PDB file of N, CA and C in Angstrom:
ATOM      1  N   MET A   1      12.793  50.060 -62.892  1.00  0.00           N
ATOM      2  CA  MET A   1      12.422  49.227 -61.968  1.00  0.00           C
ATOM      3  C   MET A   1      10.996  50.113 -60.980  1.00  0.00           C
ATOM      4  N   GLY A   2      11.022  51.510 -61.572  1.00  0.00           N
ATOM      5  CA  GLY A   2      10.052  52.229 -60.711  1.00  0.00           C
ATOM      6  C   GLY A   2       8.719  52.163 -61.505  1.00  0.00           C
ATOM      7  N   TRP A   3       8.465  51.654 -62.486  1.00  0.00           N
ATOM      8  CA  TRP A   3       7.245  51.433 -63.112  1.00  0.00           C
ATOM      9  C   TRP A   3       6.325  50.156 -62.917  1.00  0.00           C
ATOM     10  N   ILE A   4       7.786  49.246 -62.668  1.00  0.00           N
ATOM     11  CA  ILE A   4       6.884  47.721 -62.350  1.00  0.00           C
ATOM     12  C   ILE A   4       6.563  48.021 -60.749  1.00  0.00           C
ATOM     13  N   ALA A   5       6.728  48.843 -59.410  1.00  0.00           N
ATOM     14  CA  ALA A   5       6.389  48.888 -58.624  1.00  0.00           C
ATOM     15  C   ALA A   5       5.044  50.111 -58.503  1.00  0.00           C
ATOM     16  N   ILE A   6       4.895  50.983 -59.836  1.00  0.00           N
ATOM     17  CA  ILE A   6       3.801  51.392 -59.726  1.00  0.00           C
ATOM     18  C   ILE A   6       2.433  50.349 -59.983  1.00  0.00           C
ATOM     19  N   LEU A   7       2.720  49.853 -61.303  1.00  0.00           N
ATOM     20  CA  LEU A   7       1.802  48.395 -61.447  1.00  0.00           C
ATOM     21  C   LEU A   7       1.403  47.783 -60.035  1.00  0.00           C
ATOM     22  N   ILE A   8       2.249  47.287 -59.670  1.00  0.00           N
ATOM     23  CA  ILE A   8       2.503  46.037 -58.746  1.00  0.00           C
ATOM     24  C   ILE A   8       1.418  47.067 -57.846  1.00  0.00           C
ATOM     25  N   VAL A   9       1.757  47.787 -57.230  1.00  0.00           N
ATOM     26  CA  VAL A   9       0.975  48.621 -55.956  1.00  0.00           C
ATOM     27  C   VAL A   9       0.392  49.565 -56.326  1.00  0.00           C
ATOM     28  N   GLY A  10      -0.439  49.951 -57.771  1.00  0.00           N
ATOM     29  CA  GLY A  10      -1.459  49.997 -57.973  1.00  0.00           C
ATOM     30  C   GLY A  10      -2.507  48.739 -58.176  1.00  0.00           C
ATOM     31  N   ALA A  11      -1.968  47.944 -58.442  1.00  0.00           N
ATOM     32  CA  ALA A  11      -3.354  47.129 -58.609  1.00  0.00           C
ATOM     33  C   ALA A  11      -3.505  46.374 -57.900  1.00  0.00           C
ATOM     34  N   ILE A  12      -2.844  45.922 -56.847  1.00  0.00           N
ATOM     35  CA  ILE A  12      -2.904  45.544 -55.718  1.00  0.00           C
ATOM     36  C   ILE A  12      -4.068  46.258 -55.020  1.00  0.00           C
ATOM     37  N   LEU A  13      -3.590  48.009 -54.568  1.00  0.00           N
ATOM     38  CA  LEU A  13      -4.489  48.725 -53.884  1.00  0.00           C
ATOM     39  C   LEU A  13      -5.577  48.598 -54.667  1.00  0.00           C
ATOM     40  N   GLY A  14      -5.615  48.771 -55.738  1.00  0.00           N
ATOM     41  CA  GLY A  14      -7.084  49.023 -56.232  1.00  0.00           C
ATOM     42  C   GLY A  14      -8.064  47.511 -56.106  1.00  0.00           C
ATOM     43  N   TRP A  15      -7.551  46.197 -56.444  1.00  0.00           N
ATOM     44  CA  TRP A  15      -7.993  45.278 -55.664  1.00  0.00           C
ATOM     45  C   TRP A  15      -8.690  45.106 -54.722  1.00  0.00           C
ATOM     46  N   ILE A  16      -7.933  45.537 -53.502  1.00  0.00           N
ATOM     47  CA  ILE A  16      -8.205  45.605 -52.435  1.00  0.00           C
ATOM     48  C   ILE A  16      -9.362  46.389 -51.895  1.00  0.00           C
ATOM     49  N   THR A  17      -9.422  47.805 -52.908  1.00  0.00           N
ATOM     50  CA  THR A  17     -10.364  48.659 -51.977  1.00  0.00           C
ATOM     51  C   THR A  17     -11.445  48.104 -52.587  1.00  0.00           C
ATOM     52  N   GLU A  18     -11.648  47.575 -54.277  1.00  0.00           N
ATOM     53  CA  GLU A  18     -13.291  47.079 -54.729  1.00  0.00           C
ATOM     54  C   GLU A  18     -13.064  45.976 -54.072  1.00  0.00           C
ATOM     55  N   ALA A  19     -12.422  45.051 -53.864  1.00  0.00           N
ATOM     56  CA  ALA A  19     -13.043  43.833 -53.218  1.00  0.00           C
ATOM     57  C   ALA A  19     -13.735  43.843 -51.653  1.00  0.00           C
ATOM     58  N   TYR A  20     -12.672  44.732 -50.547  1.00  0.00           N
ATOM     59  CA  TYR A  20     -12.811  44.910 -49.174  1.00  0.00           C
ATOM     60  C   TYR A  20     -13.611  46.335 -48.863  1.00  0.00           C
ATOM     61  N   LEU A  21     -12.811  47.331 -49.684  1.00  0.00           N
ATOM     62  CA  LEU A  21     -13.660  48.307 -48.424  1.00  0.00           C
ATOM     63  C   LEU A  21     -14.867  49.032 -49.332  1.00  0.00           C
ATOM     64  N   MET A  22     -15.546  49.053 -50.479  1.00  0.00           N
ATOM     65  CA  MET A  22     -16.745  49.594 -50.911  1.00  0.00           C
ATOM     66  C   MET A  22     -17.624  48.382 -51.021  1.00  0.00           C
ATOM     67  N   ARG A  23     -18.693  49.318 -50.731  1.00  0.00           N
ATOM     68  CA  ARG A  23     -20.286  48.944 -49.907  1.00  0.00           C
ATOM     69  C   ARG A  23     -21.125  49.370 -51.431  1.00  0.00           C
ATOM     70  N   ARG A  24     -20.479  49.524 -52.498  1.00  0.00           N
ATOM     71  CA  ARG A  24     -20.912  50.273 -53.854  1.00  0.00           C
ATOM     72  C   ARG A  24     -20.592  49.096 -54.944  1.00  0.00           C
ATOM     73  N   GLU A  25     -21.418  48.823 -55.907  1.00  0.00           N
ATOM     74  CA  GLU A  25     -20.940  48.781 -57.352  1.00  0.00           C
ATOM     75  C   GLU A  25     -19.744  48.953 -57.783  1.00  0.00           C
ATOM     76  N   TYR A  26     -18.262  49.120 -58.100  1.00  0.00           N
ATOM     77  CA  TYR A  26     -17.324  49.845 -58.193  1.00  0.00           C
ATOM     78  C   TYR A  26     -17.680  49.813 -59.846  1.00  0.00           C
ATOM     79  N   PRO A  27     -17.833  51.122 -60.339  1.00  0.00           N
ATOM     80  CA  PRO A  27     -18.038  51.889 -61.743  1.00  0.00           C
ATOM     81  C   PRO A  27     -16.282  50.744 -62.537  1.00  0.00           C
ATOM     82  N   GLY A  28     -16.171  50.288 -63.384  1.00  0.00           N
ATOM     83  CA  GLY A  28     -16.062  49.242 -64.455  1.00  0.00           C
ATOM     84  C   GLY A  28     -15.403  48.393 -63.367  1.00  0.00           C
ATOM     85  N   HIS A  29     -16.031  48.041 -62.643  1.00  0.00           N
ATOM     86  CA  HIS A  29     -15.665  46.694 -61.728  1.00  0.00           C
ATOM     87  C   HIS A  29     -14.056  46.263 -61.116  1.00  0.00           C
ATOM     88  N   LEU A  30     -13.811  45.238 -61.469  1.00  0.00           N
ATOM     89  CA  LEU A  30     -12.570  44.996 -61.017  1.00  0.00           C
ATOM     90  C   LEU A  30     -11.391  45.565 -61.877  1.00  0.00           C
ATOM     91  N   TRP A  31     -11.649  45.870 -62.977  1.00  0.00           N
ATOM     92  CA  TRP A  31     -10.591  46.839 -63.912  1.00  0.00           C
ATOM     93  C   TRP A  31     -11.065  48.166 -63.799  1.00  0.00           C
ATOM     94  N   GLY A  32     -11.903  48.695 -63.530  1.00  0.00           N
ATOM     95  CA  GLY A  32     -12.035  50.339 -63.472  1.00  0.00           C
ATOM     96  C   GLY A  32     -11.280  50.710 -61.857  1.00  0.00           C
ATOM     97  N   ALA A  33     -11.368  49.508 -61.182  1.00  0.00           N
ATOM     98  CA  ALA A  33     -10.258  49.559 -59.942  1.00  0.00           C
ATOM     99  C   ALA A  33      -8.760  49.835 -59.435  1.00  0.00           C
ATOM    100  N   ILE A  34      -8.269  48.550 -60.290  1.00  0.00           N
ATOM    101  CA  ILE A  34      -7.066  48.349 -61.071  1.00  0.00           C
ATOM    102  C   ILE A  34      -6.439  49.518 -61.921  1.00  0.00           C
ATOM    103  N   ILE A  35      -7.027  50.215 -62.735  1.00  0.00           N
ATOM    104  CA  ILE A  35      -7.167  51.019 -63.705  1.00  0.00           C
ATOM    105  C   ILE A  35      -6.906  52.609 -62.424  1.00  0.00           C
ATOM    106  N   ALA A  36      -7.813  52.489 -61.694  1.00  0.00           N
ATOM    107  CA  ALA A  36      -7.723  53.516 -60.547  1.00  0.00           C
ATOM    108  C   ALA A  36      -6.465  53.830 -59.861  1.00  0.00           C
ATOM    109  N   GLY A  37      -5.887  52.381 -59.347  1.00  0.00           N
ATOM    110  CA  GLY A  37      -5.262  52.370 -58.808  1.00  0.00           C
ATOM    111  C   GLY A  37      -3.911  52.310 -59.150  1.00  0.00           C
ATOM    112  N   ILE A  38      -3.759  51.939 -60.339  1.00  0.00           N
ATOM    113  CA  ILE A  38      -2.637  52.495 -61.008  1.00  0.00           C
ATOM    114  C   ILE A  38      -2.695  53.785 -61.446  1.00  0.00           C
ATOM    115  N   VAL A  39      -3.357  54.611 -61.982  1.00  0.00           N
ATOM    116  CA  VAL A  39      -3.419  56.233 -61.840  1.00  0.00           C
ATOM    117  C   VAL A  39      -2.806  56.817 -60.678  1.00  0.00           C
ATOM    118  N   GLY A  40      -3.577  56.390 -59.636  1.00  0.00           N
ATOM    119  CA  GLY A  40      -3.223  56.766 -58.631  1.00  0.00           C
ATOM    120  C   GLY A  40      -1.864  56.474 -58.475  1.00  0.00           C
ATOM    121  N   ALA A  41      -1.258  55.410 -58.187  1.00  0.00           N
ATOM    122  CA  ALA A  41       0.054  55.000 -57.770  1.00  0.00           C
ATOM    123  C   ALA A  41       0.966  56.064 -58.597  1.00  0.00           C
ATOM    124  N   TRP A  42       0.970  56.126 -59.813  1.00  0.00           N
ATOM    125  CA  TRP A  42       1.168  56.924 -60.740  1.00  0.00           C
ATOM    126  C   TRP A  42       1.797  58.061 -60.185  1.00  0.00           C
ATOM    127  N   ILE A  43       0.538  58.837 -59.905  1.00  0.00           N
ATOM    128  CA  ILE A  43       0.547  60.160 -59.228  1.00  0.00           C
ATOM    129  C   ILE A  43       0.999  60.529 -58.413  1.00  0.00           C
ATOM    130  N   GLY A  44       0.853  59.644 -57.236  1.00  0.00           N
ATOM    131  CA  GLY A  44       1.531  59.542 -55.735  1.00  0.00           C
ATOM    132  C   GLY A  44       3.099  59.720 -56.071  1.00  0.00           C
ATOM    133  N   GLY A  45       3.355  58.265 -56.742  1.00  0.00           N
ATOM    134  CA  GLY A  45       4.902  57.859 -56.798  1.00  0.00           C
ATOM    135  C   GLY A  45       5.516  59.290 -57.130  1.00  0.00           C
ATOM    136  N   LYS A  46       4.988  59.769 -58.430  1.00  0.00           N
ATOM    137  CA  LYS A  46       6.009  61.168 -58.829  1.00  0.00           C
ATOM    138  C   LYS A  46       6.158  62.370 -58.237  1.00  0.00           C
ATOM    139  N   TYR A  47       4.534  62.382 -57.846  1.00  0.00           N
ATOM    140  CA  TYR A  47       4.569  63.776 -57.103  1.00  0.00           C
ATOM    141  C   TYR A  47       4.431  64.102 -55.664  1.00  0.00           C
ATOM    142  N   LEU A  48       4.802  63.073 -54.794  1.00  0.00           N
ATOM    143  CA  LEU A  48       4.655  63.708 -53.328  1.00  0.00           C
ATOM    144  C   LEU A  48       6.170  63.351 -52.637  1.00  0.00           C
ATOM    145  N   GLY A  49       7.383  63.552 -53.864  1.00  0.00           N
ATOM    146  CA  GLY A  49       8.101  63.979 -52.960  1.00  0.00           C
ATOM    147  C   GLY A  49       9.428  62.848 -53.116  1.00  0.00           C
ATOM    148  N   ALA A  50      10.450  62.872 -52.610  1.00  0.00           N
ATOM    149  CA  ALA A  50      11.437  62.245 -51.827  1.00  0.00           C
ATOM    150  C   ALA A  50      11.518  62.153 -50.720  1.00  0.00           C
ATOM    151  N   TRP A  51      10.359  61.305 -49.985  1.00  0.00           N
ATOM    152  CA  TRP A  51      10.935  60.831 -48.351  1.00  0.00           C
ATOM    153  C   TRP A  51       9.818  59.603 -48.789  1.00  0.00           C
ATOM    154  N   GLY A  52      10.614  59.053 -47.462  1.00  0.00           N
ATOM    155  CA  GLY A  52      10.087  57.103 -47.219  1.00  0.00           C
ATOM    156  C   GLY A  52      10.937  56.274 -48.782  1.00  0.00           C
ATOM    157  N   TRP A  53      10.360  55.251 -48.606  1.00  0.00           N
ATOM    158  CA  TRP A  53      11.085  54.313 -49.407  1.00  0.00           C
ATOM    159  C   TRP A  53      11.212  54.539 -50.945  1.00  0.00           C
ATOM    160  N   MET A  54      11.885  54.597 -51.295  1.00  0.00           N
ATOM    161  CA  MET A  54      12.167  55.402 -53.061  1.00  0.00           C
ATOM    162  C   MET A  54      12.926  54.191 -53.620  1.00  0.00           C
ATOM    163  N   LEU A  55      11.975  53.871 -54.552  1.00  0.00           N
ATOM    164  CA  LEU A  55      12.450  52.896 -56.150  1.00  0.00           C
ATOM    165  C   LEU A  55      12.695  53.577 -57.102  1.00  0.00           C
ATOM    166  N   ASP A  56      14.247  53.694 -57.547  1.00  0.00           N
ATOM    167  CA  ASP A  56      14.208  54.633 -59.194  1.00  0.00           C
ATOM    168  C   ASP A  56      13.567  55.543 -59.443  1.00  0.00           C
ATOM    169  N   GLY A  57      13.318  56.511 -58.212  1.00  0.00           N
ATOM    170  CA  GLY A  57      13.178  57.810 -57.972  1.00  0.00           C
ATOM    171  C   GLY A  57      11.672  57.650 -58.335  1.00  0.00           C
ATOM    172  N   VAL A  58      10.802  56.563 -57.763  1.00  0.00           N
ATOM    173  CA  VAL A  58       9.528  56.890 -57.368  1.00  0.00           C
ATOM    174  C   VAL A  58       9.187  56.571 -55.696  1.00  0.00           C
ATOM    175  N   ASN A  59       8.442  57.361 -54.982  1.00  0.00           N
ATOM    176  CA  ASN A  59       7.743  57.112 -54.239  1.00  0.00           C
ATOM    177  C   ASN A  59       6.865  55.674 -53.909  1.00  0.00           C
ATOM    178  N   VAL A  60       7.291  54.951 -53.094  1.00  0.00           N
ATOM    179  CA  VAL A  60       6.502  53.750 -52.978  1.00  0.00           C
ATOM    180  C   VAL A  60       5.341  53.818 -51.778  1.00  0.00           C
ATOM    181  N   ILE A  61       5.984  54.512 -50.693  1.00  0.00           N
ATOM    182  CA  ILE A  61       5.047  54.538 -49.990  1.00  0.00           C
ATOM    183  C   ILE A  61       3.887  55.658 -50.174  1.00  0.00           C
ATOM    184  N   GLY A  62       4.320  56.767 -51.143  1.00  0.00           N
ATOM    185  CA  GLY A  62       2.970  57.879 -51.224  1.00  0.00           C
ATOM    186  C   GLY A  62       2.261  57.378 -52.258  1.00  0.00           C
ATOM    187  N   SER A  63       3.082  56.509 -53.600  1.00  0.00           N
ATOM    188  CA  SER A  63       2.448  55.847 -54.451  1.00  0.00           C
ATOM    189  C   SER A  63       1.513  55.009 -53.772  1.00  0.00           C
ATOM    190  N   ALA A  64       1.581  54.567 -52.630  1.00  0.00           N
ATOM    191  CA  ALA A  64       0.448  53.251 -52.244  1.00  0.00           C
ATOM    192  C   ALA A  64      -0.445  54.491 -51.740  1.00  0.00           C
ATOM    193  N   ILE A  65      -0.115  55.064 -51.049  1.00  0.00           N
ATOM    194  CA  ILE A  65      -0.758  56.329 -50.393  1.00  0.00           C
ATOM    195  C   ILE A  65      -2.118  56.628 -51.296  1.00  0.00           C
ATOM    196  N   VAL A  66      -1.278  57.429 -52.126  1.00  0.00           N
ATOM    197  CA  VAL A  66      -2.517  57.754 -53.456  1.00  0.00           C
ATOM    198  C   VAL A  66      -3.509  57.123 -53.729  1.00  0.00           C
ATOM    199  N   ALA A  67      -2.525  55.333 -54.495  1.00  0.00           N
ATOM    200  CA  ALA A  67      -3.900  55.034 -55.083  1.00  0.00           C
ATOM    201  C   ALA A  67      -5.159  54.441 -54.413  1.00  0.00           C
ATOM    202  N   LEU A  68      -4.633  54.038 -53.365  1.00  0.00           N
ATOM    203  CA  LEU A  68      -5.963  53.691 -51.991  1.00  0.00           C
ATOM    204  C   LEU A  68      -6.836  55.016 -52.153  1.00  0.00           C
ATOM    205  N   ILE A  69      -6.355  55.912 -51.980  1.00  0.00           N
ATOM    206  CA  ILE A  69      -7.404  57.248 -51.966  1.00  0.00           C
ATOM    207  C   ILE A  69      -8.124  56.919 -53.064  1.00  0.00           C
ATOM    208  N   LEU A  70      -7.347  56.954 -54.562  1.00  0.00           N
ATOM    209  CA  LEU A  70      -7.770  57.558 -55.994  1.00  0.00           C
ATOM    210  C   LEU A  70      -8.950  56.630 -55.780  1.00  0.00           C
ATOM    211  N   SER A  71      -8.774  55.574 -55.660  1.00  0.00           N
ATOM    212  CA  SER A  71      -9.369  54.267 -55.825  1.00  0.00           C
ATOM    213  C   SER A  71     -10.863  53.890 -54.922  1.00  0.00           C
ATOM    214  N   TYR A  72     -10.454  54.765 -53.872  1.00  0.00           N
ATOM    215  CA  TYR A  72     -11.681  54.769 -52.662  1.00  0.00           C
ATOM    216  C   TYR A  72     -12.963  55.659 -53.226  1.00  0.00           C
ATOM    217  N   VAL A  73     -12.279  56.907 -53.333  1.00  0.00           N
ATOM    218  CA  VAL A  73     -13.124  58.357 -54.337  1.00  0.00           C
ATOM    219  C   VAL A  73     -13.395  57.381 -55.555  1.00  0.00           C
ATOM    220  N   VAL A  74     -13.142  57.008 -56.564  1.00  0.00           N
ATOM    221  CA  VAL A  74     -13.769  56.256 -57.635  1.00  0.00           C
ATOM    222  C   VAL A  74     -14.739  55.754 -57.455  1.00  0.00           C
ATOM    223  N   GLY A  75     -14.687  54.485 -56.229  1.00  0.00           N
ATOM    224  CA  GLY A  75     -15.533  54.123 -56.022  1.00  0.00           C
ATOM    225  C   GLY A  75     -17.135  54.313 -55.583  1.00  0.00           C
ATOM    226  N   LEU A  76     -16.894  55.577 -54.822  1.00  0.00           N
ATOM    227  CA  LEU A  76     -17.769  56.153 -54.443  1.00  0.00           C
ATOM    228  C   LEU A  76     -19.455  56.551 -55.528  1.00  0.00           C
ATOM    229  N   PHE A  77     -18.436  56.615 -57.167  1.00  0.00           N
ATOM    230  CA  PHE A  77     -19.102  56.992 -58.089  1.00  0.00           C
ATOM    231  C   PHE A  77     -20.275  56.018 -58.430  1.00  0.00           C
ATOM    232  N   GLY A  78     -20.026  55.030 -58.061  1.00  0.00           N
ATOM    233  CA  GLY A  78     -20.829  53.405 -58.250  1.00  0.00           C
ATOM    234  C   GLY A  78     -22.159  53.506 -57.763  1.00  0.00           C
ATOM    235  N   GLU A  79     -22.873  52.856 -58.181  1.00  0.00           N
ATOM    236  CA  GLU A  79     -23.878  52.314 -57.812  1.00  0.00           C
ATOM    237  C   GLU A  79     -24.118  51.985 -56.108  1.00  0.00           C
ATOM    238  N   GLU A  80     -25.191  52.240 -55.465  1.00  0.00           N
ATOM    239  CA  GLU A  80     -25.123  51.657 -54.008  1.00  0.00           C
ATOM    240  C   GLU A  80     -25.719  49.964 -54.377  1.00  0.00           C
ATOM    241  N   VAL A  81     -25.524  49.049 -53.116  1.00  0.00           N
ATOM    242  CA  VAL A  81     -25.871  47.812 -53.701  1.00  0.00           C
ATOM    243  C   VAL A  81     -26.862  47.596 -52.275  1.00  0.00           C
ATOM    244  N   ALA A  82     -27.995  46.528 -53.103  1.00  0.00           N
ATOM    245  CA  ALA A  82     -29.060  46.686 -51.767  1.00  0.00           C
ATOM    246  C   ALA A  82     -28.577  45.495 -51.176  1.00  0.00           C
ATOM    247  N   GLY A  83     -28.455  45.867 -49.841  1.00  0.00           N
ATOM    248  CA  GLY A  83     -28.420  44.625 -48.840  1.00  0.00           C
ATOM    249  C   GLY A  83     -26.630  44.936 -48.628  1.00  0.00           C
ATOM    250  N   GLU A  84     -26.639  43.333 -48.466  1.00  0.00           N
ATOM    251  CA  GLU A  84     -24.833  43.403 -48.032  1.00  0.00           C
ATOM    252  C   GLU A  84     -24.227  43.108 -49.401  1.00  0.00           C
ATOM    253  N   LYS A  85     -22.760  43.494 -48.884  1.00  0.00           N
ATOM    254  CA  LYS A  85     -21.965  43.465 -49.989  1.00  0.00           C
ATOM    255  C   LYS A  85     -21.842  42.363 -50.904  1.00  0.00           C
ATOM    256  N   ARG A  86     -21.917  42.404 -52.132  1.00  0.00           N
ATOM    257  CA  ARG A  86     -22.029  40.893 -53.061  1.00  0.00           C
ATOM    258  C   ARG A  86     -20.714  40.598 -52.866  1.00  0.00           C
ATOM    259  N   ASP A  87     -20.788  39.032 -53.174  1.00  0.00           N
ATOM    260  CA  ASP A  87     -19.420  37.961 -52.584  1.00  0.00           C
ATOM    261  C   ASP A  87     -18.336  38.712 -53.420  1.00  0.00           C
ATOM    262  N   ALA A  88     -17.525  38.856 -52.132  1.00  0.00           N
ATOM    263  CA  ALA A  88     -16.179  39.200 -52.886  1.00  0.00           C
ATOM    264  C   ALA A  88     -15.174  37.516 -53.773  1.00  0.00           C
ATOM    265  N   PRO A  89     -14.024  37.806 -54.811  1.00  0.00           N
ATOM    266  CA  PRO A  89     -14.398  37.076 -55.597  1.00  0.00           C
ATOM    267  C   PRO A  89     -12.912  36.251 -54.771  1.00  0.00           C
TER     268      PRO A  89
END
């Protein structure tokens, strides 16, 4: 059950980061954002300790925090977009 939470939290936060927080062209576009979010959720859920909301040994709040941060950092490596951000899906 914990791995399902990691997939859901990582995918949603990766998508939110790519669609609304970045003013750059995300490397790998939507799939790159989702993968970065899932990896961040796994790292945060596994290694941030047993505080907050736990689901089958996974720290859900920690996974959300690290997924958001890692997705944002990966997005900083993208190319600058001229003018306004492209249309969000």
